[in-house]
């Protein structure tokens, strides 16, 4: 009897460098074929026109999706001045045109304006976004020509750096100024909206050109592989879930069945370690990066529970009862990668 798809026996997270021209769902489908596994999902989509870091959960590890969507991110983006588009990026139709002024070609002027992006603000998401309004995706309504009102929402730019001021020559609009910048932003930030709004502020329509995601939380583009590399070696990009979660965690011994059943754990069962920022062992000198935590558990804090070389559960601390309660249990543990 043929093996039923979706029972690959694999439970892991991999990091992909998504190419331009492919949707995040295209990558999910490709990973499904590589592992012959139905249960595959990503933890934060990238537009087809964008490239970069895409985290993919496989098998029971998809249950971690809800815990991996709140990270801040780092992007490199080109803002092209001279015209805006219906999608706020290069794929849309021209919406409005404007003549760039001399300052837009100046490094000093650009650097000053980019530095002003830092801080908290609000933005209206692009019309072509995946936000749902009354059960309808914004991009679905936009494609049908239906008007849909998207409410402004808060976001924050933690840092903004100008990398380059160049030009792009077009047949229709001539020579256009392009600002390449690197932005560290909060969750829920739309880079296309930043480009659009920067153009509005400066009085010259603008849109997002090249867009590349360089980091999600502490996962960087250097940790990622291409889909072709993953096809050649399906184990080449396993990421430790503890590193992605950013939670404190504990090795627990002698409680395997108790954890599998989602039973309570007492304070004496758990010895907390600080969150992992990289692989558990340094690849060069093999020194451990495990640091015991000196602070007690906080009420409501979620921690990772490891048995052997696997993440077996997430538990929440209940201060009033001096115990830990199961939040998410993995009878088939999530692999913790090769950096162990």
C-alpha atoms as a PDB file:
ATOM      1  CA  UNK A   1       0.000   0.000   0.000  1.00  0.00           C
ATOM      2  CA  UNK A   2       1.324   3.423  -0.950  1.00  0.00           C
ATOM      3  CA  UNK A   3       2.217   5.774   1.869  1.00  0.00           C
ATOM      4  CA  UNK A   4      -0.450   8.402   2.480  1.00  0.00           C
ATOM      5  CA  UNK A   5       0.760  11.891   1.714  1.00  0.00           C
ATOM      6  CA  UNK A   6       1.137  13.905   4.874  1.00  0.00           C
ATOM      7  CA  UNK A   7       2.714  11.116   6.929  1.00  0.00           C
ATOM      8  CA  UNK A   8       6.362  11.697   6.062  1.00  0.00           C
ATOM      9  CA  UNK A   9       7.459  11.383   9.681  1.00  0.00           C
ATOM     10  CA  UNK A  10       9.292  14.718   9.353  1.00  0.00           C
ATOM     11  CA  UNK A  11       8.819  17.513  11.885  1.00  0.00           C
ATOM     12  CA  UNK A  12      11.147  20.434  11.255  1.00  0.00           C
ATOM     13  CA  UNK A  13      11.566  24.065  10.219  1.00  0.00           C
ATOM     14  CA  UNK A  14      13.627  25.118   7.207  1.00  0.00           C
ATOM     15  CA  UNK A  15      14.784  28.547   6.019  1.00  0.00           C
ATOM     16  CA  UNK A  16      14.464  29.411   2.337  1.00  0.00           C
ATOM     17  CA  UNK A  17      15.782  32.276   0.246  1.00  0.00           C
ATOM     18  CA  UNK A  18      12.658  32.866  -1.825  1.00  0.00           C
ATOM     19  CA  UNK A  19      13.414  34.057  -5.363  1.00  0.00           C
ATOM     20  CA  UNK A  20      11.661  36.881  -7.172  1.00  0.00           C
ATOM     21  CA  UNK A  21       8.761  35.843  -9.349  1.00  0.00           C
ATOM     22  CA  UNK A  22       7.560  33.082  -7.030  1.00  0.00           C
ATOM     23  CA  UNK A  23       4.835  33.399  -4.416  1.00  0.00           C
ATOM     24  CA  UNK A  24       5.224  32.157  -0.866  1.00  0.00           C
ATOM     25  CA  UNK A  25       2.591  29.542  -1.671  1.00  0.00           C
ATOM     26  CA  UNK A  26       4.714  28.377  -4.617  1.00  0.00           C
ATOM     27  CA  UNK A  27       7.496  27.693  -2.116  1.00  0.00           C
ATOM     28  CA  UNK A  28       5.125  25.815   0.189  1.00  0.00           C
ATOM     29  CA  UNK A  29       4.041  23.592  -2.699  1.00  0.00           C
ATOM     30  CA  UNK A  30       7.655  22.973  -3.686  1.00  0.00           C
ATOM     31  CA  UNK A  31       8.528  21.919  -0.126  1.00  0.00           C
ATOM     32  CA  UNK A  32       5.479  19.620  -0.059  1.00  0.00           C
ATOM     33  CA  UNK A  33       6.855  17.831  -3.117  1.00  0.00           C
ATOM     34  CA  UNK A  34      10.379  17.587  -1.704  1.00  0.00           C
ATOM     35  CA  UNK A  35       9.231  15.916   1.515  1.00  0.00           C
ATOM     36  CA  UNK A  36       6.039  14.286   0.206  1.00  0.00           C
ATOM     37  CA  UNK A  37       4.292  16.013   3.106  1.00  0.00           C
ATOM     38  CA  UNK A  38       0.927  17.752   3.011  1.00  0.00           C
ATOM     39  CA  UNK A  39       1.342  19.647   6.284  1.00  0.00           C
ATOM     40  CA  UNK A  40       3.573  22.537   5.215  1.00  0.00           C
ATOM     41  CA  UNK A  41       3.122  26.238   5.914  1.00  0.00           C
ATOM     42  CA  UNK A  42       5.080  29.503   5.988  1.00  0.00           C
ATOM     43  CA  UNK A  43       5.192  32.003   8.848  1.00  0.00           C
ATOM     44  CA  UNK A  44       5.008  35.284   6.955  1.00  0.00           C
ATOM     45  CA  UNK A  45       4.403  35.743   3.253  1.00  0.00           C
ATOM     46  CA  UNK A  46       6.586  37.626   0.790  1.00  0.00           C
ATOM     47  CA  UNK A  47       5.151  39.262  -2.325  1.00  0.00           C
ATOM     48  CA  UNK A  48       6.074  37.538  -5.606  1.00  0.00           C
ATOM     49  CA  UNK A  49       8.132  40.603  -6.569  1.00  0.00           C
ATOM     50  CA  UNK A  50      10.186  40.316  -3.336  1.00  0.00           C
ATOM     51  CA  UNK A  51      12.936  37.877  -2.383  1.00  0.00           C
ATOM     52  CA  UNK A  52      14.614  36.735   0.794  1.00  0.00           C
ATOM     53  CA  UNK A  53      13.990  35.023   4.118  1.00  0.00           C
ATOM     54  CA  UNK A  54      10.978  32.705   4.201  1.00  0.00           C
ATOM     55  CA  UNK A  55      10.485  30.352   7.158  1.00  0.00           C
ATOM     56  CA  UNK A  56       8.753  27.057   6.331  1.00  0.00           C
ATOM     57  CA  UNK A  57       7.268  24.670   8.925  1.00  0.00           C
ATOM     58  CA  UNK A  58       6.889  20.991   8.012  1.00  0.00           C
ATOM     59  CA  UNK A  59       4.723  18.274   9.530  1.00  0.00           C
ATOM     60  CA  UNK A  60       3.547  18.773  13.126  1.00  0.00           C
ATOM     61  CA  UNK A  61       5.917  21.765  13.331  1.00  0.00           C
ATOM     62  CA  UNK A  62       3.188  23.757  11.541  1.00  0.00           C
ATOM     63  CA  UNK A  63       1.590  24.072  14.976  1.00  0.00           C
ATOM     64  CA  UNK A  64       4.334  26.582  15.778  1.00  0.00           C
ATOM     65  CA  UNK A  65       3.052  29.004  13.124  1.00  0.00           C
ATOM     66  CA  UNK A  66       1.075  31.049  15.636  1.00  0.00           C
ATOM     67  CA  UNK A  67       4.205  31.606  17.742  1.00  0.00           C
ATOM     68  CA  UNK A  68       6.441  32.703  14.866  1.00  0.00           C
ATOM     69  CA  UNK A  69       4.524  35.599  13.303  1.00  0.00           C
ATOM     70  CA  UNK A  70       5.310  38.472  15.687  1.00  0.00           C
ATOM     71  CA  UNK A  71       8.993  39.001  14.901  1.00  0.00           C
ATOM     72  CA  UNK A  72      10.499  42.247  13.676  1.00  0.00           C
ATOM     73  CA  UNK A  73      12.125  42.147  10.235  1.00  0.00           C
ATOM     74  CA  UNK A  74      14.945  43.703   8.231  1.00  0.00           C
ATOM     75  CA  UNK A  75      14.525  44.610   4.559  1.00  0.00           C
ATOM     76  CA  UNK A  76      16.576  46.195   1.831  1.00  0.00           C
ATOM     77  CA  UNK A  77      14.331  48.250  -0.449  1.00  0.00           C
ATOM     78  CA  UNK A  78      14.655  50.454  -3.503  1.00  0.00           C
ATOM     79  CA  UNK A  79      12.319  53.457  -3.567  1.00  0.00           C
ATOM     80  CA  UNK A  80      11.826  54.678  -7.141  1.00  0.00           C
ATOM     81  CA  UNK A  81      10.662  58.291  -7.546  1.00  0.00           C
ATOM     82  CA  UNK A  82       8.772  59.531 -10.592  1.00  0.00           C
ATOM     83  CA  UNK A  83       5.549  57.554 -10.622  1.00  0.00           C
ATOM     84  CA  UNK A  84       3.249  55.590  -8.320  1.00  0.00           C
ATOM     85  CA  UNK A  85       1.417  52.356  -9.142  1.00  0.00           C
ATOM     86  CA  UNK A  86      -1.828  50.614  -8.264  1.00  0.00           C
ATOM     87  CA  UNK A  87       0.066  48.001  -6.238  1.00  0.00           C
ATOM     88  CA  UNK A  88       2.703  50.371  -4.799  1.00  0.00           C
ATOM     89  CA  UNK A  89       5.411  48.223  -6.433  1.00  0.00           C
ATOM     90  CA  UNK A  90       6.817  47.509  -9.886  1.00  0.00           C
ATOM     91  CA  UNK A  91       4.041  45.057 -10.817  1.00  0.00           C
ATOM     92  CA  UNK A  92       1.161  47.546 -10.806  1.00  0.00           C
ATOM     93  CA  UNK A  93      -0.176  49.909 -13.437  1.00  0.00           C
ATOM     94  CA  UNK A  94       0.995  53.524 -13.399  1.00  0.00           C
ATOM     95  CA  UNK A  95      -1.275  55.573 -11.176  1.00  0.00           C
ATOM     96  CA  UNK A  96       0.326  59.021 -11.081  1.00  0.00           C
ATOM     97  CA  UNK A  97       3.429  60.636 -12.557  1.00  0.00           C
ATOM     98  CA  UNK A  98       5.589  63.469 -11.224  1.00  0.00           C
ATOM     99  CA  UNK A  99       8.826  65.201 -12.202  1.00  0.00           C
ATOM    100  CA  UNK A 100      11.696  64.445  -9.760  1.00  0.00           C
ATOM    101  CA  UNK A 101      13.456  67.531  -8.386  1.00  0.00           C
ATOM    102  CA  UNK A 102      17.215  67.882  -8.012  1.00  0.00           C
ATOM    103  CA  UNK A 103      17.305  66.992  -4.311  1.00  0.00           C
ATOM    104  CA  UNK A 104      16.071  63.463  -5.012  1.00  0.00           C
ATOM    105  CA  UNK A 105      19.372  62.760  -6.797  1.00  0.00           C
ATOM    106  CA  UNK A 106      21.409  64.058  -3.822  1.00  0.00           C
ATOM    107  CA  UNK A 107      22.981  61.717  -1.245  1.00  0.00           C
ATOM    108  CA  UNK A 108      22.823  64.303   1.539  1.00  0.00           C
ATOM    109  CA  UNK A 109      19.149  65.055   0.944  1.00  0.00           C
ATOM    110  CA  UNK A 110      18.283  61.350   0.672  1.00  0.00           C
ATOM    111  CA  UNK A 111      20.239  60.399   3.820  1.00  0.00           C
ATOM    112  CA  UNK A 112      18.451  63.115   5.801  1.00  0.00           C
ATOM    113  CA  UNK A 113      14.997  61.993   4.644  1.00  0.00           C
ATOM    114  CA  UNK A 114      15.701  58.303   5.238  1.00  0.00           C
ATOM    115  CA  UNK A 115      16.841  59.030   8.803  1.00  0.00           C
ATOM    116  CA  UNK A 116      13.453  60.683   9.440  1.00  0.00           C
ATOM    117  CA  UNK A 117      11.703  57.352   8.816  1.00  0.00           C
ATOM    118  CA  UNK A 118      12.801  56.090  12.250  1.00  0.00           C
ATOM    119  CA  UNK A 119      10.051  56.040  14.861  1.00  0.00           C
ATOM    120  CA  UNK A 120       6.422  55.102  15.380  1.00  0.00           C
ATOM    121  CA  UNK A 121       3.747  56.061  12.901  1.00  0.00           C
ATOM    122  CA  UNK A 122       0.635  54.783  11.144  1.00  0.00           C
ATOM    123  CA  UNK A 123       0.169  53.618   7.560  1.00  0.00           C
ATOM    124  CA  UNK A 124      -2.613  52.456   5.272  1.00  0.00           C
ATOM    125  CA  UNK A 125      -1.762  49.021   3.832  1.00  0.00           C
ATOM    126  CA  UNK A 126      -1.481  48.678   0.042  1.00  0.00           C
ATOM    127  CA  UNK A 127      -4.751  48.091  -1.811  1.00  0.00           C
ATOM    128  CA  UNK A 128      -3.221  44.853  -3.091  1.00  0.00           C
ATOM    129  CA  UNK A 129      -2.573  43.178   0.262  1.00  0.00           C
ATOM    130  CA  UNK A 130      -3.792  40.008   1.960  1.00  0.00           C
ATOM    131  CA  UNK A 131      -5.730  41.867   4.659  1.00  0.00           C
ATOM    132  CA  UNK A 132      -9.308  40.671   5.065  1.00  0.00           C
ATOM    133  CA  UNK A 133     -12.210  43.146   5.286  1.00  0.00           C
ATOM    134  CA  UNK A 134     -15.603  41.561   5.933  1.00  0.00           C
ATOM    135  CA  UNK A 135     -14.203  38.205   4.850  1.00  0.00           C
ATOM    136  CA  UNK A 136     -12.731  39.453   1.551  1.00  0.00           C
ATOM    137  CA  UNK A 137      -9.017  39.780   0.810  1.00  0.00           C
ATOM    138  CA  UNK A 138      -8.094  43.314  -0.174  1.00  0.00           C
ATOM    139  CA  UNK A 139      -6.247  42.156  -3.295  1.00  0.00           C
ATOM    140  CA  UNK A 140      -9.263  40.116  -4.422  1.00  0.00           C
ATOM    141  CA  UNK A 141     -11.500  43.178  -4.179  1.00  0.00           C
ATOM    142  CA  UNK A 142      -8.905  45.356  -5.941  1.00  0.00           C
ATOM    143  CA  UNK A 143      -8.619  42.915  -8.842  1.00  0.00           C
ATOM    144  CA  UNK A 144     -12.396  43.108  -9.301  1.00  0.00           C
ATOM    145  CA  UNK A 145     -12.283  46.892  -9.250  1.00  0.00           C
ATOM    146  CA  UNK A 146     -14.272  47.020  -6.043  1.00  0.00           C
ATOM    147  CA  UNK A 147     -13.564  49.782  -3.582  1.00  0.00           C
ATOM    148  CA  UNK A 148     -12.498  48.579  -0.140  1.00  0.00           C
ATOM    149  CA  UNK A 149     -11.529  50.805   2.773  1.00  0.00           C
ATOM    150  CA  UNK A 150      -8.384  49.787   4.622  1.00  0.00           C
ATOM    151  CA  UNK A 151      -7.858  51.374   8.012  1.00  0.00           C
ATOM    152  CA  UNK A 152      -4.530  52.870   8.991  1.00  0.00           C
ATOM    153  CA  UNK A 153      -2.558  50.790  11.464  1.00  0.00           C
ATOM    154  CA  UNK A 154       0.466  51.428  13.667  1.00  0.00           C
ATOM    155  CA  UNK A 155       3.999  50.364  12.817  1.00  0.00           C
ATOM    156  CA  UNK A 156       7.526  51.275  13.851  1.00  0.00           C
ATOM    157  CA  UNK A 157      10.833  51.707  12.063  1.00  0.00           C
ATOM    158  CA  UNK A 158      13.628  50.848  14.514  1.00  0.00           C
ATOM    159  CA  UNK A 159      16.474  51.868  12.218  1.00  0.00           C
ATOM    160  CA  UNK A 160      16.851  53.213   8.685  1.00  0.00           C
ATOM    161  CA  UNK A 161      20.050  53.455   6.654  1.00  0.00           C
ATOM    162  CA  UNK A 162      20.623  54.863   3.176  1.00  0.00           C
ATOM    163  CA  UNK A 163      22.811  52.449   1.196  1.00  0.00           C
ATOM    164  CA  UNK A 164      22.935  53.991  -2.253  1.00  0.00           C
ATOM    165  CA  UNK A 165      21.487  56.697  -4.493  1.00  0.00           C
ATOM    166  CA  UNK A 166      21.321  55.617  -8.126  1.00  0.00           C
ATOM    167  CA  UNK A 167      19.194  56.274 -11.183  1.00  0.00           C
ATOM    168  CA  UNK A 168      16.979  54.163 -13.382  1.00  0.00           C
ATOM    169  CA  UNK A 169      16.398  55.089 -17.002  1.00  0.00           C
ATOM    170  CA  UNK A 170      12.968  54.328 -18.441  1.00  0.00           C
ATOM    171  CA  UNK A 171      11.610  54.817 -21.963  1.00  0.00           C
ATOM    172  CA  UNK A 172       8.436  56.433 -20.674  1.00  0.00           C
ATOM    173  CA  UNK A 173       9.663  58.616 -17.798  1.00  0.00           C
ATOM    174  CA  UNK A 174      13.350  59.168 -18.495  1.00  0.00           C
ATOM    175  CA  UNK A 175      15.945  59.115 -15.712  1.00  0.00           C
ATOM    176  CA  UNK A 176      14.464  58.459 -12.268  1.00  0.00           C
ATOM    177  CA  UNK A 177      16.187  58.668  -8.855  1.00  0.00           C
ATOM    178  CA  UNK A 178      16.353  55.451  -6.802  1.00  0.00           C
ATOM    179  CA  UNK A 179      17.097  55.313  -3.082  1.00  0.00           C
ATOM    180  CA  UNK A 180      18.307  51.955  -1.768  1.00  0.00           C
ATOM    181  CA  UNK A 181      17.823  51.673   1.986  1.00  0.00           C
ATOM    182  CA  UNK A 182      17.939  49.077   4.756  1.00  0.00           C
ATOM    183  CA  UNK A 183      15.075  49.200   7.255  1.00  0.00           C
ATOM    184  CA  UNK A 184      14.553  47.358  10.539  1.00  0.00           C
ATOM    185  CA  UNK A 185      10.800  47.360  11.155  1.00  0.00           C
ATOM    186  CA  UNK A 186       8.132  46.006  13.477  1.00  0.00           C
ATOM    187  CA  UNK A 187       5.716  43.222  12.606  1.00  0.00           C
ATOM    188  CA  UNK A 188       2.871  44.271  10.342  1.00  0.00           C
ATOM    189  CA  UNK A 189       4.904  46.916   8.501  1.00  0.00           C
ATOM    190  CA  UNK A 190       4.241  47.293   4.773  1.00  0.00           C
ATOM    191  CA  UNK A 191       7.377  48.375   2.920  1.00  0.00           C
ATOM    192  CA  UNK A 192       5.345  49.254  -0.177  1.00  0.00           C
ATOM    193  CA  UNK A 193       3.368  51.722   1.928  1.00  0.00           C
ATOM    194  CA  UNK A 194       6.580  53.292   3.232  1.00  0.00           C
ATOM    195  CA  UNK A 195       7.748  53.869  -0.360  1.00  0.00           C
ATOM    196  CA  UNK A 196       4.361  55.259  -1.426  1.00  0.00           C
ATOM    197  CA  UNK A 197       4.077  57.571   1.585  1.00  0.00           C
ATOM    198  CA  UNK A 198       7.655  58.829   1.224  1.00  0.00           C
ATOM    199  CA  UNK A 199       6.790  59.934  -2.290  1.00  0.00           C
ATOM    200  CA  UNK A 200       3.654  61.694  -1.053  1.00  0.00           C
ATOM    201  CA  UNK A 201       5.628  63.485   1.657  1.00  0.00           C
ATOM    202  CA  UNK A 202       8.238  64.736  -0.835  1.00  0.00           C
ATOM    203  CA  UNK A 203       5.688  65.669  -3.471  1.00  0.00           C
ATOM    204  CA  UNK A 204       6.857  63.188  -6.137  1.00  0.00           C
ATOM    205  CA  UNK A 205       4.968  59.901  -6.675  1.00  0.00           C
ATOM    206  CA  UNK A 206       7.034  56.859  -5.729  1.00  0.00           C
ATOM    207  CA  UNK A 207       6.818  53.090  -5.512  1.00  0.00           C
ATOM    208  CA  UNK A 208       8.766  50.138  -4.145  1.00  0.00           C
ATOM    209  CA  UNK A 209      11.277  48.720  -6.629  1.00  0.00           C
ATOM    210  CA  UNK A 210      13.535  45.876  -5.516  1.00  0.00           C
ATOM    211  CA  UNK A 211      12.629  44.394  -2.127  1.00  0.00           C
ATOM    212  CA  UNK A 212      14.644  41.786  -0.258  1.00  0.00           C
ATOM    213  CA  UNK A 213      13.958  40.470   3.261  1.00  0.00           C
ATOM    214  CA  UNK A 214      17.271  40.075   5.054  1.00  0.00           C
ATOM    215  CA  UNK A 215      16.123  38.881   8.478  1.00  0.00           C
ATOM    216  CA  UNK A 216      13.131  37.686  10.482  1.00  0.00           C
ATOM    217  CA  UNK A 217      13.838  37.922  14.192  1.00  0.00           C
ATOM    218  CA  UNK A 218      17.330  36.453  14.582  1.00  0.00           C
ATOM    219  CA  UNK A 219      17.073  34.327  11.428  1.00  0.00           C
ATOM    220  CA  UNK A 220      19.116  35.944   8.648  1.00  0.00           C
ATOM    221  CA  UNK A 221      19.525  35.478   4.932  1.00  0.00           C
ATOM    222  CA  UNK A 222      22.841  33.725   5.632  1.00  0.00           C
ATOM    223  CA  UNK A 223      20.868  30.905   7.279  1.00  0.00           C
ATOM    224  CA  UNK A 224      18.744  30.344   4.165  1.00  0.00           C
ATOM    225  CA  UNK A 225      19.136  28.039   1.178  1.00  0.00           C
ATOM    226  CA  UNK A 226      17.563  28.098  -2.259  1.00  0.00           C
ATOM    227  CA  UNK A 227      14.779  25.706  -3.151  1.00  0.00           C
ATOM    228  CA  UNK A 228      17.231  23.959  -5.520  1.00  0.00           C
ATOM    229  CA  UNK A 229      19.692  23.401  -2.676  1.00  0.00           C
ATOM    230  CA  UNK A 230      16.913  21.992  -0.520  1.00  0.00           C
ATOM    231  CA  UNK A 231      15.927  19.628  -3.326  1.00  0.00           C
ATOM    232  CA  UNK A 232      19.521  18.387  -3.475  1.00  0.00           C
ATOM    233  CA  UNK A 233      19.773  17.932   0.295  1.00  0.00           C
ATOM    234  CA  UNK A 234      16.476  18.072   2.249  1.00  0.00           C
ATOM    235  CA  UNK A 235      18.417  18.303   5.533  1.00  0.00           C
ATOM    236  CA  UNK A 236      20.623  21.247   4.570  1.00  0.00           C
ATOM    237  CA  UNK A 237      18.603  24.016   6.224  1.00  0.00           C
ATOM    238  CA  UNK A 238      17.047  22.726   9.447  1.00  0.00           C
ATOM    239  CA  UNK A 239      16.604  25.589  11.913  1.00  0.00           C
ATOM    240  CA  UNK A 240      16.419  25.173  15.682  1.00  0.00           C
ATOM    241  CA  UNK A 241      12.849  26.186  16.660  1.00  0.00           C
ATOM    242  CA  UNK A 242      14.121  27.559  19.985  1.00  0.00           C
ATOM    243  CA  UNK A 243      16.234  30.066  18.098  1.00  0.00           C
ATOM    244  CA  UNK A 244      13.205  31.265  16.126  1.00  0.00           C
ATOM    245  CA  UNK A 245      10.845  31.390  19.091  1.00  0.00           C
ATOM    246  CA  UNK A 246      13.130  33.471  21.277  1.00  0.00           C
ATOM    247  CA  UNK A 247      11.682  31.816  24.406  1.00  0.00           C
ATOM    248  CA  UNK A 248      13.535  30.663  27.480  1.00  0.00           C
ATOM    249  CA  UNK A 249      13.717  26.895  27.564  1.00  0.00           C
ATOM    250  CA  UNK A 250      14.639  23.840  29.599  1.00  0.00           C
ATOM    251  CA  UNK A 251      15.928  20.304  29.203  1.00  0.00           C
ATOM    252  CA  UNK A 252      13.544  18.004  31.090  1.00  0.00           C
ATOM    253  CA  UNK A 253      14.596  14.449  31.900  1.00  0.00           C
ATOM    254  CA  UNK A 254      12.571  11.541  33.230  1.00  0.00           C
ATOM    255  CA  UNK A 255       9.214  13.131  32.336  1.00  0.00           C
ATOM    256  CA  UNK A 256       8.849  11.955  28.727  1.00  0.00           C
ATOM    257  CA  UNK A 257       5.397  10.404  29.076  1.00  0.00           C
ATOM    258  CA  UNK A 258       4.192  13.183  31.344  1.00  0.00           C
ATOM    259  CA  UNK A 259       5.141  15.746  28.698  1.00  0.00           C
ATOM    260  CA  UNK A 260       3.622  13.672  25.867  1.00  0.00           C
ATOM    261  CA  UNK A 261       0.342  13.607  27.793  1.00  0.00           C
ATOM    262  CA  UNK A 262       0.430  17.361  28.384  1.00  0.00           C
ATOM    263  CA  UNK A 263       0.561  16.926  32.160  1.00  0.00           C
ATOM    264  CA  UNK A 264       1.571  19.731  34.503  1.00  0.00           C
ATOM    265  CA  UNK A 265       5.256  20.237  35.316  1.00  0.00           C
ATOM    266  CA  UNK A 266       6.410  21.443  38.700  1.00  0.00           C
ATOM    267  CA  UNK A 267       8.956  24.201  39.248  1.00  0.00           C
ATOM    268  CA  UNK A 268      11.556  21.635  40.281  1.00  0.00           C
ATOM    269  CA  UNK A 269      11.185  19.850  36.914  1.00  0.00           C
ATOM    270  CA  UNK A 270      12.274  22.960  35.005  1.00  0.00           C
ATOM    271  CA  UNK A 271      15.683  24.663  34.958  1.00  0.00           C
ATOM    272  CA  UNK A 272      15.407  27.693  32.699  1.00  0.00           C
ATOM    273  CA  UNK A 273      18.035  28.668  30.127  1.00  0.00           C
ATOM    274  CA  UNK A 274      18.335  32.008  28.340  1.00  0.00           C
ATOM    275  CA  UNK A 275      16.887  32.265  24.799  1.00  0.00           C
ATOM    276  CA  UNK A 276      19.134  31.003  22.010  1.00  0.00           C
ATOM    277  CA  UNK A 277      20.302  33.606  19.506  1.00  0.00           C
ATOM    278  CA  UNK A 278      22.259  31.236  17.267  1.00  0.00           C
ATOM    279  CA  UNK A 279      23.147  27.558  17.015  1.00  0.00           C
ATOM    280  CA  UNK A 280      23.534  25.776  20.323  1.00  0.00           C
ATOM    281  CA  UNK A 281      27.215  25.102  19.577  1.00  0.00           C
ATOM    282  CA  UNK A 282      29.554  27.424  17.728  1.00  0.00           C
ATOM    283  CA  UNK A 283      30.459  25.950  14.338  1.00  0.00           C
ATOM    284  CA  UNK A 284      34.130  26.982  14.693  1.00  0.00           C
ATOM    285  CA  UNK A 285      35.113  26.203  18.267  1.00  0.00           C
ATOM    286  CA  UNK A 286      32.206  24.009  19.425  1.00  0.00           C
ATOM    287  CA  UNK A 287      31.670  26.002  22.619  1.00  0.00           C
ATOM    288  CA  UNK A 288      28.200  25.849  24.095  1.00  0.00           C
ATOM    289  CA  UNK A 289      25.912  28.884  23.897  1.00  0.00           C
ATOM    290  CA  UNK A 290      23.581  27.546  26.597  1.00  0.00           C
ATOM    291  CA  UNK A 291      23.358  30.001  29.499  1.00  0.00           C
ATOM    292  CA  UNK A 292      21.301  29.204  32.621  1.00  0.00           C
ATOM    293  CA  UNK A 293      18.813  31.925  33.463  1.00  0.00           C
ATOM    294  CA  UNK A 294      19.057  33.658  36.830  1.00  0.00           C
ATOM    295  CA  UNK A 295      15.569  35.196  36.692  1.00  0.00           C
ATOM    296  CA  UNK A 296      12.532  33.238  37.893  1.00  0.00           C
ATOM    297  CA  UNK A 297       9.688  32.379  35.546  1.00  0.00           C
ATOM    298  CA  UNK A 298       7.108  35.118  35.007  1.00  0.00           C
ATOM    299  CA  UNK A 299       3.392  34.533  35.259  1.00  0.00           C
ATOM    300  CA  UNK A 300       2.058  33.644  31.811  1.00  0.00           C
ATOM    301  CA  UNK A 301       5.538  33.193  30.327  1.00  0.00           C
ATOM    302  CA  UNK A 302       5.735  30.557  27.588  1.00  0.00           C
ATOM    303  CA  UNK A 303       8.859  28.388  27.540  1.00  0.00           C
ATOM    304  CA  UNK A 304      10.215  25.584  25.387  1.00  0.00           C
ATOM    305  CA  UNK A 305      10.574  22.070  26.787  1.00  0.00           C
ATOM    306  CA  UNK A 306      13.260  19.858  25.235  1.00  0.00           C
ATOM    307  CA  UNK A 307      13.693  16.116  25.527  1.00  0.00           C
ATOM    308  CA  UNK A 308      16.935  14.914  23.998  1.00  0.00           C
ATOM    309  CA  UNK A 309      17.571  16.801  20.762  1.00  0.00           C
ATOM    310  CA  UNK A 310      13.952  17.730  20.106  1.00  0.00           C
ATOM    311  CA  UNK A 311      11.506  20.433  21.123  1.00  0.00           C
ATOM    312  CA  UNK A 312       8.670  18.430  22.671  1.00  0.00           C
ATOM    313  CA  UNK A 313       6.322  21.097  24.022  1.00  0.00           C
ATOM    314  CA  UNK A 314       5.596  24.691  24.887  1.00  0.00           C
ATOM    315  CA  UNK A 315       4.501  25.281  28.475  1.00  0.00           C
ATOM    316  CA  UNK A 316       3.083  28.322  30.247  1.00  0.00           C
ATOM    317  CA  UNK A 317       4.035  29.240  33.805  1.00  0.00           C
ATOM    318  CA  UNK A 318       1.228  29.630  36.347  1.00  0.00           C
ATOM    319  CA  UNK A 319       2.708  31.671  39.164  1.00  0.00           C
ATOM    320  CA  UNK A 320      -0.234  31.284  41.561  1.00  0.00           C
ATOM    321  CA  UNK A 321       0.097  27.489  41.394  1.00  0.00           C
ATOM    322  CA  UNK A 322       3.892  27.312  41.043  1.00  0.00           C
ATOM    323  CA  UNK A 323       3.636  25.038  38.035  1.00  0.00           C
ATOM    324  CA  UNK A 324       3.767  24.892  34.244  1.00  0.00           C
ATOM    325  CA  UNK A 325       0.760  24.144  32.055  1.00  0.00           C
ATOM    326  CA  UNK A 326       1.031  22.624  28.566  1.00  0.00           C
ATOM    327  CA  UNK A 327       0.223  24.996  25.690  1.00  0.00           C
ATOM    328  CA  UNK A 328       1.391  22.994  22.662  1.00  0.00           C
ATOM    329  CA  UNK A 329       2.654  19.397  22.717  1.00  0.00           C
ATOM    330  CA  UNK A 330       4.580  17.582  19.985  1.00  0.00           C
ATOM    331  CA  UNK A 331       4.432  13.782  20.478  1.00  0.00           C
ATOM    332  CA  UNK A 332       6.732  13.757  17.440  1.00  0.00           C
ATOM    333  CA  UNK A 333       9.312  16.282  18.554  1.00  0.00           C
ATOM    334  CA  UNK A 334      10.443  19.179  16.374  1.00  0.00           C
ATOM    335  CA  UNK A 335      13.998  18.616  15.137  1.00  0.00           C
ATOM    336  CA  UNK A 336      16.515  21.107  16.466  1.00  0.00           C
ATOM    337  CA  UNK A 337      18.855  21.196  13.494  1.00  0.00           C
ATOM    338  CA  UNK A 338      22.514  20.453  12.959  1.00  0.00           C
ATOM    339  CA  UNK A 339      24.021  23.023  15.319  1.00  0.00           C
ATOM    340  CA  UNK A 340      23.773  20.712  18.338  1.00  0.00           C
END
